C-alpha cells in the first residue's frame, strides 16, 4: 500500500460518474464550494478533483484509472458499474462516499425493502410476488455480479442476488392473496427492478375501479388512468403494498451524512398525472421541515445503506412516515443553501477520514458514528443543518450539544374574505333575456324592500323623537313668564 498524503497537502477526489452528471449544475456548484472551504485565518486541507470522463470509464482498463484518496462514484444511465466496483476493490484504503455494492443491490426493490425491515426503517405494509427466481444468482435489470468474486454458490456471504422463492397469487375483484397475505384495493404494484418505473395503483369497485399507471415524466405528464382495466400483471416479479393517502403530495428527502437532511414536497403523480412546473419549466417543489422522527429515518437510511449522499422518498400519512424508495446519490437541483451545507459536511467528512485513519482501512473499519464525530471535531462545530441532538435516537456527543434559546417569527395577517361576485355580459333580447328579466325583477324587489325598510325606520325614529319630547315636557314643564301686562293709560 502506498503512503497517503499528509493532512495539509492536496487530497485527490475522483469524480467517477458520467460526463452528463459531472458537468451538470448541481455537481459544479458542489465542486466550487468544496474548493473554497476554509479561510486565510483558518485554512483547511485543499481538494483536487480528478475527472475520469466517459472515454476513460468506457474504453480504458481499470488498472489504468488514476489513483485517488476519495471517490465520488454513482450510477446513471450508461455507467460501467462493474468496472467501478472492480476499481474500488483495488484500493481498499480509498474513501468511498457512496458504497458501490449497495448501489448495485438497490436495483432490486425487494432488497431495499428487506434492508429497511432489518433495521427498523418504516415502510408500507407489503408482500413480494416472485416469479422465476428460485435459484440464487439471477440478476435484476441493471444489476451486475461482483467482478472480483464468482463463487456462484448460495453461501451466506455470496455477492450474487439471493434466491426469491416463487409465489402463489389469487386474484379477486377487490383484493389479491399473495403467499397467504391478503392485500385489499387500493394497493400499489411495483416491479422488482428499480429501473422499471411503471408503477400501477389498483382501485376498488366501490371507488369506480380502474388502474392509475405511473411512469417517468414525459413532458408534463406522469400518469394515465385506465378505467376498464382491473387485473394485476402476471409476468415478472412485483411488490404489492398498501396505498397510502398522502393528501396529494410526495416528500423527497436528500441526506448528506447521517446528521443532515433537506426535504422538499411535490405534487404526487397519482393526483391527475399533470406535472406542475414553475416559470423556468422546472417541477414545482416546496421546502419542508422534517419532524424528529423523519430526521431519525434519514439518519438510519444514510447509515444502513452506506450512502453519504442519499436521496429517498417518504410517504407522509397523518403523523406517520414511510420510506417507499431509496435512490442512492441524489442532489437538490436549485438550492444554494443545500449546496453550501452539503459542501461543508462532505469536506469535513473527507478530511476526517484522511486525518484520523491516515488513509488506511475501509468504510467497515470505522463506524459511521465515529466518522460523524471526527468530522464535527474537524469543522469545530456540529454538522450544519440538523443539530445532533435534534435527531431522535442519536445521542449528542459531549461538547456538541446545542440549546434552543429563542424563536423569532415575523407574521403578517393577510386573510380576507373573497368577494362572492359573478360578472356576466349579456345582450338585451338575446338568449339570456329571461335571466336578465329575472335579475331585474329581483333587483327591483330588493330596492322596494330596502325603501320600505328605510321608510319604516324613518317613521320609527320620528315616533321615538316625539315620545322623547313628550317625556321631557312632563318632567320639566315649560316655564311661564312672570310679566304684568301693561295697563292702558
Protein backbone atom coordinates (compact mmCIF):
# COMPACT_ATOMS: atom_id res chain seq x y z
CA UNK A 1 0.00 0.00 0.00
CA UNK A 2 1.23 3.45 -0.83
CA UNK A 3 1.54 6.18 1.76
CA UNK A 4 -1.30 8.66 1.66
CA UNK A 5 -0.79 12.45 1.55
CA UNK A 6 -0.29 14.20 4.87
CA UNK A 7 -3.04 16.48 6.19
CA UNK A 8 -2.40 19.89 4.77
CA UNK A 9 -1.42 18.59 1.33
CA UNK A 10 -3.83 18.14 -1.56
CA UNK A 11 -6.41 15.37 -1.26
CA UNK A 12 -7.35 13.81 -4.60
CA UNK A 13 -11.06 13.27 -5.07
CA UNK A 14 -12.05 11.12 -8.05
CA UNK A 15 -15.21 12.01 -9.97
CA UNK A 16 -16.24 8.60 -11.25
CA UNK A 17 -19.52 9.35 -13.00
CA UNK A 18 -20.83 10.05 -16.47
CA UNK A 19 -19.98 13.43 -18.00
CA UNK A 20 -23.62 14.45 -18.13
CA UNK A 21 -23.81 14.26 -14.34
CA UNK A 22 -20.35 15.69 -13.56
CA UNK A 23 -20.87 18.66 -15.87
CA UNK A 24 -24.35 19.37 -14.54
CA UNK A 25 -25.12 22.43 -12.44
CA UNK A 26 -25.57 20.62 -9.08
CA UNK A 27 -22.15 18.94 -9.28
CA UNK A 28 -20.42 22.14 -10.44
CA UNK A 29 -21.95 24.07 -7.57
CA UNK A 30 -20.78 21.41 -5.12
CA UNK A 31 -17.24 21.30 -6.55
CA UNK A 32 -16.91 25.09 -6.40
CA UNK A 33 -17.88 25.13 -2.74
CA UNK A 34 -15.65 22.19 -1.85
CA UNK A 35 -12.67 24.03 -3.34
CA UNK A 36 -13.44 27.19 -1.37
CA UNK A 37 -13.70 25.70 2.12
CA UNK A 38 -11.70 27.41 4.87
CA UNK A 39 -10.42 30.98 5.34
CA UNK A 40 -6.93 32.59 5.42
CA UNK A 41 -7.23 32.72 9.21
CA UNK A 42 -8.37 29.10 9.43
CA UNK A 43 -7.10 27.21 6.36
CA UNK A 44 -8.35 23.74 5.56
CA UNK A 45 -6.77 20.93 3.53
CA UNK A 46 -7.35 21.51 -0.16
CA UNK A 47 -9.09 19.11 -2.50
CA UNK A 48 -8.09 18.32 -6.08
CA UNK A 49 -10.73 16.86 -8.36
CA UNK A 50 -9.78 14.15 -10.84
CA UNK A 51 -12.44 13.82 -13.51
CA UNK A 52 -12.49 10.35 -15.05
CA UNK A 53 -14.71 11.16 -18.04
CA UNK A 54 -16.81 8.94 -20.28
CA UNK A 55 -13.94 7.88 -22.53
CA UNK A 56 -11.82 6.62 -19.62
CA UNK A 57 -14.75 4.92 -17.90
CA UNK A 58 -15.95 3.10 -21.01
CA UNK A 59 -12.77 2.44 -23.00
CA UNK A 60 -9.82 2.27 -20.56
CA UNK A 61 -8.90 -0.79 -18.47
CA UNK A 62 -9.48 -0.37 -14.73
CA UNK A 63 -5.78 -0.81 -13.87
CA UNK A 64 -5.06 2.37 -15.84
CA UNK A 65 -7.57 4.52 -13.98
CA UNK A 66 -5.98 7.24 -11.80
CA UNK A 67 -5.40 6.56 -8.10
CA UNK A 68 -7.37 8.73 -5.69
CA UNK A 69 -7.74 9.23 -1.95
CA UNK A 70 -11.51 9.61 -2.09
CA UNK A 71 -14.03 8.50 -4.69
CA UNK A 72 -17.35 10.01 -5.70
CA UNK A 73 -18.97 7.30 -7.79
CA UNK A 74 -22.63 6.80 -8.58
CA UNK A 75 -24.74 5.10 -11.22
CA UNK A 76 -26.60 6.76 -14.05
CA UNK A 77 -27.58 5.50 -17.50
CA UNK A 78 -24.56 4.07 -19.28
CA UNK A 79 -22.31 3.98 -16.20
CA UNK A 80 -20.00 0.89 -16.08
CA UNK A 81 -20.87 -0.17 -12.54
CA UNK A 82 -18.94 -3.47 -12.79
CA UNK A 83 -15.70 -1.67 -13.67
CA UNK A 84 -16.21 0.88 -10.90
CA UNK A 85 -16.72 -1.90 -8.35
CA UNK A 86 -13.56 -3.62 -9.59
CA UNK A 87 -11.63 -0.33 -9.32
CA UNK A 88 -12.82 0.27 -5.74
CA UNK A 89 -11.72 -3.26 -4.77
CA UNK A 90 -8.18 -2.46 -5.97
CA UNK A 91 -7.79 0.34 -3.40
CA UNK A 92 -9.19 -0.77 -0.03
CA UNK A 93 -7.89 2.39 1.69
CA UNK A 94 -9.78 4.71 -0.64
CA UNK A 95 -12.71 6.54 0.98
CA UNK A 96 -15.94 5.68 -0.85
CA UNK A 97 -18.58 8.33 -0.22
CA UNK A 98 -21.29 6.01 -1.56
CA UNK A 99 -20.79 2.26 -1.27
CA UNK A 100 -20.90 0.71 -4.75
CA UNK A 101 -22.02 -2.76 -3.62
CA UNK A 102 -25.11 -1.19 -2.05
CA UNK A 103 -25.77 0.80 -5.23
CA UNK A 104 -25.69 -2.50 -7.09
CA UNK A 105 -28.23 -4.08 -4.74
CA UNK A 106 -30.53 -1.05 -4.96
CA UNK A 107 -31.52 -2.23 -8.43
CA UNK A 108 -33.71 -4.76 -6.60
CA UNK A 109 -36.53 -3.04 -4.75
CA UNK A 110 -37.08 -6.16 -2.65
CA UNK A 111 -33.56 -5.88 -1.24
CA UNK A 112 -34.27 -2.25 -0.34
CA UNK A 113 -37.49 -3.18 1.49
CA UNK A 114 -35.78 -6.07 3.28
CA UNK A 115 -32.91 -3.83 4.41
CA UNK A 116 -35.40 -1.30 5.76
CA UNK A 117 -37.23 -4.04 7.66
CA UNK A 118 -33.98 -5.44 9.08
CA UNK A 119 -33.01 -2.04 10.54
CA UNK A 120 -36.35 -0.73 11.76
CA UNK A 121 -36.96 1.73 8.93
CA UNK A 122 -40.74 2.05 8.43
CA UNK A 123 -42.21 1.02 5.07
CA UNK A 124 -45.81 0.49 3.92
CA UNK A 125 -47.25 -2.98 4.56
CA UNK A 126 -46.15 -5.06 1.58
CA UNK A 127 -45.65 -8.53 0.15
CA UNK A 128 -43.30 -9.85 -2.56
CA UNK A 129 -44.71 -11.73 -5.54
CA UNK A 130 -41.74 -13.59 -7.08
CA UNK A 131 -41.64 -15.43 -10.37
CA UNK A 132 -38.80 -17.50 -11.83
CA UNK A 133 -36.07 -16.60 -9.32
CA UNK A 134 -35.90 -19.77 -7.27
CA UNK A 135 -32.15 -20.11 -7.82
CA UNK A 136 -29.52 -17.79 -6.38
CA UNK A 137 -27.73 -15.57 -8.86
CA UNK A 138 -30.46 -14.24 -11.14
CA UNK A 139 -29.64 -10.60 -11.81
CA UNK A 140 -32.22 -7.84 -11.88
CA UNK A 141 -32.07 -5.46 -14.85
CA UNK A 142 -29.07 -3.17 -14.34
CA UNK A 143 -27.52 -5.27 -11.56
CA UNK A 144 -24.05 -6.78 -12.03
CA UNK A 145 -22.25 -9.60 -10.25
CA UNK A 146 -19.23 -8.62 -8.19
CA UNK A 147 -16.36 -8.89 -10.71
CA UNK A 148 -13.80 -9.86 -8.05
CA UNK A 149 -15.85 -12.80 -6.77
CA UNK A 150 -17.52 -15.52 -8.82
CA UNK A 151 -18.36 -18.18 -6.31
CA UNK A 152 -21.75 -18.88 -7.86
CA UNK A 153 -22.95 -20.64 -4.71
CA UNK A 154 -25.52 -19.89 -2.05
CA UNK A 155 -23.10 -19.16 0.77
CA UNK A 156 -24.22 -16.54 3.34
CA UNK A 157 -21.64 -14.08 2.01
CA UNK A 158 -22.43 -14.79 -1.65
CA UNK A 159 -22.26 -11.50 -3.58
CA UNK A 160 -24.85 -12.58 -6.10
CA UNK A 161 -28.55 -11.79 -5.59
CA UNK A 162 -30.31 -14.26 -3.28
CA UNK A 163 -32.95 -16.71 -4.38
CA UNK A 164 -36.54 -15.47 -4.23
CA UNK A 165 -38.93 -18.44 -3.93
CA UNK A 166 -41.76 -18.33 -6.45
CA UNK A 167 -45.06 -17.09 -5.07
CA UNK A 168 -48.69 -18.12 -5.40
CA UNK A 169 -51.24 -15.45 -6.29
CA UNK A 170 -55.04 -15.50 -6.05
CA UNK A 171 -56.89 -12.61 -7.65
CA UNK A 172 -60.38 -11.49 -6.65
CA UNK A 173 -62.48 -8.50 -7.59
CA UNK A 174 -61.37 -6.19 -4.77
CA UNK A 175 -58.32 -7.95 -3.34
CA UNK A 176 -55.47 -10.35 -4.03
CA UNK A 177 -53.82 -13.02 -1.88
CA UNK A 178 -50.04 -13.49 -2.29
CA UNK A 179 -48.50 -16.38 -0.36
CA UNK A 180 -51.38 -16.19 2.11
CA UNK A 181 -51.15 -12.42 2.59
CA UNK A 182 -54.35 -10.57 1.67
CA UNK A 183 -53.94 -7.14 0.01
CA UNK A 184 -57.16 -5.19 -0.41
CA UNK A 185 -57.60 -2.46 -3.00
CA UNK A 186 -56.45 0.22 -3.26
CA UNK A 187 -52.94 -1.16 -3.43
CA UNK A 188 -49.74 -0.33 -5.33
CA UNK A 189 -47.95 -2.70 -7.68
CA UNK A 190 -44.21 -2.04 -8.16
CA UNK A 191 -41.84 -4.00 -10.43
CA UNK A 192 -39.00 -5.66 -8.51
CA UNK A 193 -36.49 -3.86 -10.75
CA UNK A 194 -35.65 -0.39 -9.51
CA UNK A 195 -35.07 0.68 -13.12
CA UNK A 196 -38.68 -0.07 -14.08
CA UNK A 197 -40.77 2.98 -13.19
CA UNK A 198 -44.11 1.60 -14.39
CA UNK A 199 -45.85 1.62 -11.01
CA UNK A 200 -49.59 0.88 -11.03
CA UNK A 201 -52.28 1.72 -8.48
CA UNK A 202 -55.39 -0.50 -8.37
CA UNK A 203 -58.69 0.95 -7.11
CA UNK A 204 -61.65 -0.97 -5.61
CA UNK A 205 -65.03 -1.31 -7.29
CA UNK A 206 -66.59 0.98 -4.65
CA UNK A 207 -64.33 3.78 -5.93
CA UNK A 208 -65.11 3.06 -9.58
CA UNK A 209 -62.29 0.56 -10.18
CA UNK A 210 -59.59 1.06 -12.78
CA UNK A 211 -55.81 1.44 -12.68
CA UNK A 212 -53.67 4.55 -12.35
CA UNK A 213 -50.47 3.89 -14.34
CA UNK A 214 -47.47 5.93 -13.19
CA UNK A 215 -44.35 6.34 -15.32
CA UNK A 216 -41.30 8.58 -15.78
CA UNK A 217 -42.28 12.13 -16.68
CA UNK A 218 -42.93 12.71 -20.39
CA UNK A 219 -43.19 16.45 -20.98
CA UNK A 220 -45.90 17.48 -18.49
CA UNK A 221 -47.42 14.07 -17.95
CA UNK A 222 -46.55 11.47 -15.30
CA UNK A 223 -49.52 9.06 -15.23
CA UNK A 224 -52.54 7.73 -17.12
CA UNK A 225 -55.82 6.26 -15.88
CA UNK A 226 -57.23 3.04 -17.36
CA UNK A 227 -60.87 2.88 -16.26
CA UNK A 228 -61.61 -0.50 -17.89
CA UNK A 229 -58.58 -2.42 -16.56
CA UNK A 230 -58.52 -4.17 -13.20
CA UNK A 231 -56.34 -7.29 -13.40
CA UNK A 232 -52.80 -7.35 -11.97
CA UNK A 233 -49.77 -8.07 -14.16
CA UNK A 234 -48.83 -11.74 -14.41
CA UNK A 235 -45.32 -11.62 -15.91
CA UNK A 236 -42.28 -10.75 -13.79
CA UNK A 237 -41.77 -10.16 -10.06
CA UNK A 238 -43.61 -7.41 -8.20
CA UNK A 239 -44.05 -5.81 -4.80
CA UNK A 240 -47.60 -5.17 -3.62
CA UNK A 241 -48.08 -2.58 -0.89
CA UNK A 242 -50.93 -0.71 0.73
CA UNK A 243 -51.85 2.56 -0.95
CA UNK A 244 -51.08 5.37 1.49
CA UNK A 245 -53.32 8.50 1.40
CA UNK A 246 -50.83 11.39 1.39
CA UNK A 247 -53.18 14.28 0.54
CA UNK A 248 -51.71 14.59 -2.93
CA UNK A 249 -48.04 15.16 -2.08
CA UNK A 250 -44.78 13.22 -2.14
CA UNK A 251 -41.78 14.12 0.04
CA UNK A 252 -38.25 13.92 -1.38
CA UNK A 253 -35.50 13.76 1.26
CA UNK A 254 -31.84 14.48 0.49
CA UNK A 255 -29.42 13.34 3.20
CA UNK A 256 -25.75 14.34 3.35
CA UNK A 257 -24.11 12.36 6.12
CA UNK A 258 -26.14 10.94 8.94
CA UNK A 259 -26.91 14.28 10.61
CA UNK A 260 -28.07 16.50 7.75
CA UNK A 261 -31.21 16.21 5.65
CA UNK A 262 -33.06 18.55 3.30
CA UNK A 263 -36.65 17.81 2.26
CA UNK A 264 -38.99 19.05 -0.45
CA UNK A 265 -42.63 18.29 -1.22
CA UNK A 266 -44.07 17.96 -4.70
CA UNK A 267 -47.42 17.19 -6.27
CA UNK A 268 -47.97 13.44 -6.37
CA UNK A 269 -48.20 11.91 -9.87
CA UNK A 270 -51.17 9.90 -8.58
CA UNK A 271 -53.33 13.05 -8.37
CA UNK A 272 -54.06 13.79 -12.03
CA UNK A 273 -50.83 12.95 -13.87
CA UNK A 274 -50.12 16.59 -14.73
CA UNK A 275 -46.67 17.86 -13.72
CA UNK A 276 -46.82 21.27 -12.01
CA UNK A 277 -43.97 23.47 -13.31
CA UNK A 278 -42.70 26.95 -12.47
CA UNK A 279 -41.90 29.82 -14.84
CA UNK A 280 -38.46 28.29 -15.54
CA UNK A 281 -40.03 24.99 -16.61
CA UNK A 282 -38.82 23.08 -13.53
CA UNK A 283 -41.09 20.86 -11.48
CA UNK A 284 -42.52 22.87 -8.60
CA UNK A 285 -41.22 21.79 -5.19
CA UNK A 286 -41.57 23.32 -1.75
CA UNK A 287 -39.01 23.01 1.08
CA UNK A 288 -40.48 21.49 4.22
CA UNK A 289 -39.27 20.99 7.80
CA UNK A 290 -38.76 17.39 8.87
CA UNK A 291 -40.04 16.14 12.20
CA UNK A 292 -37.76 14.45 14.73
CA UNK A 293 -38.97 11.02 13.64
CA UNK A 294 -38.40 11.84 9.99
CA UNK A 295 -34.85 13.02 10.79
CA UNK A 296 -34.26 9.73 12.60
CA UNK A 297 -35.40 7.90 9.45
CA UNK A 298 -32.93 9.92 7.34
CA UNK A 299 -30.18 9.02 9.81
CA UNK A 300 -30.95 5.29 9.56
CA UNK A 301 -31.18 5.32 5.76
CA UNK A 302 -27.79 7.03 5.42
CA UNK A 303 -26.08 4.69 7.91
CA UNK A 304 -27.55 1.32 6.94
CA UNK A 305 -27.43 1.87 3.19
CA UNK A 306 -23.83 3.22 3.46
CA UNK A 307 -24.57 6.23 1.26
CA UNK A 308 -23.05 9.52 2.42
CA UNK A 309 -25.15 11.39 -0.15
CA UNK A 310 -28.53 9.71 -0.41
CA UNK A 311 -31.96 10.60 -1.68
CA UNK A 312 -35.09 8.71 -0.70
CA UNK A 313 -38.86 9.08 -0.90
CA UNK A 314 -41.19 9.48 2.07
CA UNK A 315 -44.92 8.90 2.19
CA UNK A 316 -46.41 11.04 4.95
CA UNK A 317 -49.77 9.73 6.12
CA UNK A 318 -51.14 11.62 9.11
CA UNK A 319 -48.43 11.64 11.77
CA UNK A 320 -46.65 8.60 10.34
CA UNK A 321 -43.96 8.45 7.64
CA UNK A 322 -42.92 5.52 5.46
CA UNK A 323 -39.94 5.01 3.14
CA UNK A 324 -41.06 3.79 -0.28
CA UNK A 325 -37.85 4.19 -2.32
CA UNK A 326 -34.10 4.69 -1.77
CA UNK A 327 -32.23 6.17 -4.72
CA UNK A 328 -28.59 6.44 -3.64
CA UNK A 329 -26.71 9.52 -4.84
CA UNK A 330 -29.22 12.30 -5.37
CA UNK A 331 -28.90 16.08 -5.24
CA UNK A 332 -31.17 19.09 -4.88
CA UNK A 333 -31.02 20.91 -8.20
CA UNK A 334 -31.68 24.52 -7.23
CA UNK A 335 -30.94 25.26 -3.57
CA UNK A 336 -27.88 27.34 -2.71
CA UNK A 337 -28.39 26.66 0.98
CA UNK A 338 -28.31 22.91 0.36
CA UNK A 339 -25.13 23.19 -1.74
CA UNK A 340 -23.43 25.23 0.99
CA UNK A 341 -24.37 22.77 3.73
CA UNK A 342 -23.57 19.70 1.64
CA UNK A 343 -20.11 21.02 0.72
CA UNK A 344 -19.25 21.85 4.33
CA UNK A 345 -20.37 18.43 5.51
CA UNK A 346 -18.59 16.48 2.76
CA UNK A 347 -15.34 18.42 3.15
CA UNK A 348 -15.28 17.74 6.90
CA UNK A 349 -16.06 14.06 6.34
CA UNK A 350 -13.28 13.62 3.76
CA UNK A 351 -10.67 15.42 5.88
CA UNK A 352 -11.69 13.46 8.99
CA UNK A 353 -11.21 10.20 7.12
CA UNK A 354 -7.73 11.23 5.94
CA UNK A 355 -6.62 12.69 9.26
CA UNK A 356 -7.72 10.01 11.68
CA UNK A 357 -7.20 6.94 9.53
CA UNK A 358 -4.08 8.02 7.71
CA UNK A 359 -5.72 6.71 4.58
CA UNK A 360 -5.73 3.07 5.72
CA UNK A 361 -8.74 0.81 6.11
CA UNK A 362 -12.17 0.76 4.53
CA UNK A 363 -15.61 2.04 5.41
CA UNK A 364 -16.23 -1.02 7.57
CA UNK A 365 -13.15 -0.24 9.71
CA UNK A 366 -14.83 2.85 11.13
CA UNK A 367 -18.36 3.25 12.39
CA UNK A 368 -20.47 6.00 10.90
CA UNK A 369 -20.89 7.46 14.40
CA UNK A 370 -17.10 7.77 14.79
CA UNK A 371 -16.74 9.32 11.36
CA UNK A 372 -19.50 11.80 12.15
CA UNK A 373 -17.84 12.73 15.45
CA UNK A 374 -14.45 13.21 13.78
CA UNK A 375 -15.97 15.33 11.02
CA UNK A 376 -17.63 17.54 13.63
CA UNK A 377 -14.36 17.88 15.53
CA UNK A 378 -12.56 18.81 12.34
CA UNK A 379 -15.05 21.54 11.48
CA UNK A 380 -15.17 22.75 15.10
CA UNK A 381 -18.96 22.62 15.16
CA UNK A 382 -21.76 20.17 14.91
CA UNK A 383 -22.93 19.26 11.46
CA UNK A 384 -24.74 22.03 9.55
CA UNK A 385 -28.45 21.86 9.04
CA UNK A 386 -29.73 19.41 11.63
CA UNK A 387 -28.11 19.55 15.11
CA UNK A 388 -27.04 16.19 16.52
CA UNK A 389 -29.35 16.48 19.50
CA UNK A 390 -32.30 17.18 17.23
CA UNK A 391 -32.36 13.67 15.80
CA UNK A 392 -34.37 11.15 17.75
CA UNK A 393 -32.32 8.10 18.62
CA UNK A 394 -28.97 9.84 18.09
CA UNK A 395 -27.08 10.84 21.21
CA UNK A 396 -25.37 14.21 21.14
CA UNK A 397 -21.62 13.95 21.67
CA UNK A 398 -20.01 15.91 24.57
CA UNK A 399 -19.19 19.42 23.53
CA UNK A 400 -21.54 19.34 20.55
CA UNK A 401 -24.84 19.92 22.33
CA UNK A 402 -26.97 22.80 21.11
CA UNK A 403 -29.71 24.55 23.03
CA UNK A 404 -32.65 26.39 21.56
CA UNK A 405 -32.65 29.89 23.08
CA UNK A 406 -35.47 31.58 21.22
CA UNK A 407 -37.66 31.52 18.14
CA UNK A 408 -38.11 34.76 16.20
CA UNK A 409 -41.07 34.94 13.86
CA UNK A 410 -42.38 37.75 11.68
CA UNK A 411 -46.05 37.14 10.99
CA UNK A 412 -48.28 39.16 8.70
CA UNK A 413 -52.02 38.61 8.74
CA UNK A 414 -53.22 38.58 5.16
CA UNK A 415 -56.50 36.66 5.27
CA UNK A 416 -59.56 38.30 3.76
CA UNK A 417 -62.98 37.07 2.75
CA UNK A 418 -63.22 36.80 -1.05
CA UNK A 419 -66.00 38.76 -2.69
CA UNK A 420 -68.77 36.49 -3.88
CA UNK A 421 -69.33 38.21 -7.22
CA UNK A 422 -70.10 37.00 -10.69
CA UNK A 423 -69.88 39.28 -13.71
CA UNK A 424 -71.88 38.41 -16.83
CA UNK A 425 -72.26 40.38 -20.06
CA UNK A 426 -75.49 39.72 -21.96
CA UNK A 427 -77.40 41.43 -24.73
CA UNK A 428 -80.98 42.66 -24.45
CA UNK A 429 -83.35 40.42 -26.39
CA UNK A 430 -80.84 37.61 -26.64
CA UNK A 431 -80.89 34.06 -25.29
CA UNK A 432 -80.30 35.34 -21.77
CA UNK A 433 -83.17 37.85 -21.80
CA UNK A 434 -85.15 35.70 -19.37
CA UNK A 435 -82.22 35.65 -16.96
CA UNK A 436 -81.88 39.44 -17.31
CA UNK A 437 -85.60 39.97 -16.59
CA UNK A 438 -85.38 37.74 -13.52
CA UNK A 439 -82.34 39.60 -12.20
CA UNK A 440 -84.02 42.97 -12.82
CA UNK A 441 -87.16 41.76 -11.02
CA UNK A 442 -85.10 40.59 -8.04
CA UNK A 443 -83.16 43.85 -8.00
CA UNK A 444 -86.39 45.92 -8.14
CA UNK A 445 -87.93 43.84 -5.36
CA UNK A 446 -84.81 44.28 -3.25
CA UNK A 447 -84.85 48.03 -3.91
CA UNK A 448 -88.52 48.26 -2.96
CA UNK A 449 -87.93 46.25 0.20
CA UNK A 450 -84.99 48.45 1.14
CA UNK A 451 -87.14 51.56 0.55
CA UNK A 452 -89.85 50.15 2.81
CA UNK A 453 -87.32 49.40 5.50
CA UNK A 454 -85.92 52.91 5.29
CA UNK A 455 -89.44 54.43 5.48
CA UNK A 456 -90.30 52.22 8.43
CA UNK A 457 -87.03 53.10 10.17
CA UNK A 458 -87.61 56.80 9.47
CA UNK A 459 -91.14 56.69 10.91
CA UNK A 460 -89.92 54.78 13.94
CA UNK A 461 -87.18 57.35 14.51
CA UNK A 462 -89.74 60.19 14.27
CA UNK A 463 -92.04 58.47 16.77
CA UNK A 464 -89.14 57.97 19.15
CA UNK A 465 -88.23 61.64 18.84
CA UNK A 466 -91.83 62.81 19.61
CA UNK A 467 -92.03 60.38 22.52
CA UNK A 468 -88.77 61.71 23.92
CA UNK A 469 -90.04 65.30 23.66
CA UNK A 470 -93.27 64.37 25.50
CA UNK A 471 -91.35 62.73 28.33
CA UNK A 472 -89.03 65.72 28.61
CA UNK A 473 -92.03 68.10 28.77
CA UNK A 474 -93.64 66.10 31.55
CA UNK A 475 -90.51 66.13 33.68
CA UNK A 476 -89.51 69.75 33.04
CA UNK A 477 -92.62 71.80 32.01
CA UNK A 478 -92.05 74.99 30.03
CA UNK A 479 -91.76 77.97 32.50
CA UNK A 480 -94.43 80.78 32.29
CA UNK A 481 -93.02 84.33 32.05
CA UNK A 482 -93.90 86.35 35.21
CA UNK A 483 -94.91 89.57 33.44
CA UNK A 484 -97.66 92.11 34.10
CA UNK A 485 -99.49 93.26 31.07
CA UNK A 486 -99.29 96.98 30.52
CA UNK A 487 -102.32 98.92 31.75
CA UNK A 488 -103.72 101.16 29.12
CA UNK A 489 -103.35 104.74 30.05
